Amino acid sequence: MALIAHNLSFDLTFLKHYTKGEWNIPAVDTLTIARKRLARAKQEYKIASFKLGDVASYFGHTISNAHRAQDDALAVYAVYEALHRIEAK
């Protein structure tokens, strides 16, 4: 099991606070991966930024209610899957 997040350091701040710092499961940051794998798309102005909404949109996923847990979680998963497909090629 692993935590998948976009801008992991932001989420870990809250998780560590509420778990009293005891957070030691593997974690994946889609923001870090997107910055590496989509650098050329950013240079070519195909993606405006590496914000979750922009990265999700780049892959054809729309976030109906940004910053709402369920919608953001679904978007992070969609981005993770799309970034994984890029790696697999």
C-alpha atoms as a PDB file:
ATOM      1  CA  MET A   1       0.000   0.000   0.000  1.00  0.00           C
ATOM      2  CA  ALA A   2       1.217   3.528  -0.761  1.00  0.00           C
ATOM      3  CA  LEU A   3      -0.050   7.063  -0.488  1.00  0.00           C
ATOM      4  CA  ILE A   4      -0.360   8.811  -3.840  1.00  0.00           C
ATOM      5  CA  ALA A   5      -0.635  12.595  -3.681  1.00  0.00           C
ATOM      6  CA  HIS A   6      -0.102  15.676  -5.809  1.00  0.00           C
ATOM      7  CA  ASN A   7       2.264  17.979  -3.879  1.00  0.00           C
ATOM      8  CA  LEU A   8       2.990  15.344  -1.290  1.00  0.00           C
ATOM      9  CA  SER A   9       4.890  17.624   1.088  1.00  0.00           C
ATOM     10  CA  PHE A  10       1.734  19.701   1.611  1.00  0.00           C
ATOM     11  CA  ASP A  11      -0.387  16.659   2.457  1.00  0.00           C
ATOM     12  CA  LEU A  12       2.275  15.093   4.663  1.00  0.00           C
ATOM     13  CA  THR A  13       2.312  18.181   6.871  1.00  0.00           C
ATOM     14  CA  PHE A  14      -1.287  17.501   7.853  1.00  0.00           C
ATOM     15  CA  LEU A  15      -0.954  13.731   8.014  1.00  0.00           C
ATOM     16  CA  LYS A  16       2.094  13.888  10.273  1.00  0.00           C
ATOM     17  CA  HIS A  17       0.389  16.422  12.508  1.00  0.00           C
ATOM     18  CA  TYR A  18      -2.707  14.292  12.988  1.00  0.00           C
ATOM     19  CA  THR A  19      -0.790  11.026  13.329  1.00  0.00           C
ATOM     20  CA  LYS A  20       1.699  12.597  15.737  1.00  0.00           C
ATOM     21  CA  GLY A  21       4.503  12.226  13.196  1.00  0.00           C
ATOM     22  CA  GLU A  22       4.101   8.491  12.826  1.00  0.00           C
ATOM     23  CA  TRP A  23       3.695   8.229   9.102  1.00  0.00           C
ATOM     24  CA  ASN A  24       5.896   5.659   7.454  1.00  0.00           C
ATOM     25  CA  ILE A  25       4.114   4.101   4.517  1.00  0.00           C
ATOM     26  CA  PRO A  26       5.542   4.523   1.022  1.00  0.00           C
ATOM     27  CA  ALA A  27       4.401   7.654  -0.774  1.00  0.00           C
ATOM     28  CA  VAL A  28       4.388   8.836  -4.396  1.00  0.00           C
ATOM     29  CA  ASP A  29       4.236  12.490  -5.452  1.00  0.00           C
ATOM     30  CA  THR A  30       2.573  12.976  -8.843  1.00  0.00           C
ATOM     31  CA  LEU A  31       3.728  16.625  -8.863  1.00  0.00           C
ATOM     32  CA  THR A  32       7.377  15.551  -8.825  1.00  0.00           C
ATOM     33  CA  ILE A  33       6.759  12.951 -11.516  1.00  0.00           C
ATOM     34  CA  ALA A  34       4.791  15.401 -13.669  1.00  0.00           C
ATOM     35  CA  ARG A  35       7.582  17.989 -13.491  1.00  0.00           C
ATOM     36  CA  LYS A  36      10.004  15.402 -14.855  1.00  0.00           C
ATOM     37  CA  ARG A  37       7.844  13.687 -17.451  1.00  0.00           C
ATOM     38  CA  LEU A  38       5.944  16.719 -18.714  1.00  0.00           C
ATOM     39  CA  ALA A  39       8.829  19.206 -18.826  1.00  0.00           C
ATOM     40  CA  ARG A  40       8.782  19.306 -22.615  1.00  0.00           C
ATOM     41  CA  ALA A  41       4.992  19.832 -22.705  1.00  0.00           C
ATOM     42  CA  LYS A  42       5.464  22.787 -20.338  1.00  0.00           C
ATOM     43  CA  GLN A  43       8.242  24.240 -22.501  1.00  0.00           C
ATOM     44  CA  GLU A  44       6.028  23.899 -25.565  1.00  0.00           C
ATOM     45  CA  TYR A  45       3.104  25.609 -23.766  1.00  0.00           C
ATOM     46  CA  LYS A  46       0.944  22.474 -23.983  1.00  0.00           C
ATOM     47  CA  ILE A  47       0.402  22.635 -20.232  1.00  0.00           C
ATOM     48  CA  ALA A  48       0.000  25.889 -18.291  1.00  0.00           C
ATOM     49  CA  SER A  49       1.399  24.729 -14.956  1.00  0.00           C
ATOM     50  CA  PHE A  50       1.925  21.623 -12.882  1.00  0.00           C
ATOM     51  CA  LYS A  51      -1.093  22.299 -10.659  1.00  0.00           C
ATOM     52  CA  LEU A  52      -3.309  19.254 -10.296  1.00  0.00           C
ATOM     53  CA  GLY A  53      -6.105  20.752 -12.398  1.00  0.00           C
ATOM     54  CA  ASP A  54      -3.769  21.611 -15.275  1.00  0.00           C
ATOM     55  CA  VAL A  55      -2.038  18.229 -15.260  1.00  0.00           C
ATOM     56  CA  ALA A  56      -5.368  16.411 -15.064  1.00  0.00           C
ATOM     57  CA  SER A  57      -6.723  18.512 -17.916  1.00  0.00           C
ATOM     58  CA  TYR A  58      -3.632  17.758 -20.010  1.00  0.00           C
ATOM     59  CA  PHE A  59      -4.572  14.091 -19.736  1.00  0.00           C
ATOM     60  CA  GLY A  60      -8.260  14.768 -20.492  1.00  0.00           C
ATOM     61  CA  HIS A  61      -9.576  14.553 -16.925  1.00  0.00           C
ATOM     62  CA  THR A  62     -11.841  17.311 -15.626  1.00  0.00           C
ATOM     63  CA  ILE A  63     -12.061  18.106 -11.926  1.00  0.00           C
ATOM     64  CA  SER A  64     -15.648  19.149 -11.200  1.00  0.00           C
ATOM     65  CA  ASN A  65     -15.066  20.382  -7.634  1.00  0.00           C
ATOM     66  CA  ALA A  66     -11.391  21.182  -7.132  1.00  0.00           C
ATOM     67  CA  HIS A  67     -10.100  20.957  -3.573  1.00  0.00           C
ATOM     68  CA  ARG A  68     -12.879  18.568  -2.559  1.00  0.00           C
ATOM     69  CA  ALA A  69     -11.517  15.279  -1.297  1.00  0.00           C
ATOM     70  CA  GLN A  70     -13.278  12.846  -3.612  1.00  0.00           C
ATOM     71  CA  ASP A  71     -12.785  14.870  -6.796  1.00  0.00           C
ATOM     72  CA  ASP A  72      -9.130  15.564  -6.044  1.00  0.00           C
ATOM     73  CA  ALA A  73      -8.509  11.915  -5.158  1.00  0.00           C
ATOM     74  CA  LEU A  74     -10.020  10.770  -8.448  1.00  0.00           C
ATOM     75  CA  ALA A  75      -7.946  13.340 -10.339  1.00  0.00           C
ATOM     76  CA  VAL A  76      -4.734  12.289  -8.587  1.00  0.00           C
ATOM     77  CA  TYR A  77      -5.440   8.680  -9.476  1.00  0.00           C
ATOM     78  CA  ALA A  78      -6.138   9.593 -13.126  1.00  0.00           C
ATOM     79  CA  VAL A  79      -2.904  11.610 -13.285  1.00  0.00           C
ATOM     80  CA  TYR A  80      -0.927   8.813 -11.628  1.00  0.00           C
ATOM     81  CA  GLU A  81      -2.246   6.267 -14.131  1.00  0.00           C
ATOM     82  CA  ALA A  82      -1.514   8.567 -17.092  1.00  0.00           C
ATOM     83  CA  LEU A  83       2.012   9.319 -15.880  1.00  0.00           C
ATOM     84  CA  HIS A  84       2.578   5.601 -15.373  1.00  0.00           C
ATOM     85  CA  ARG A  85       1.576   4.960 -19.015  1.00  0.00           C
ATOM     86  CA  ILE A  86       4.147   7.529 -20.166  1.00  0.00           C
ATOM     87  CA  GLU A  87       6.833   5.678 -18.190  1.00  0.00           C
ATOM     88  CA  ALA A  88       5.785   2.352 -19.658  1.00  0.00           C
ATOM     89  CA  LYS A  89       6.333   3.523 -23.248  1.00  0.00           C
END
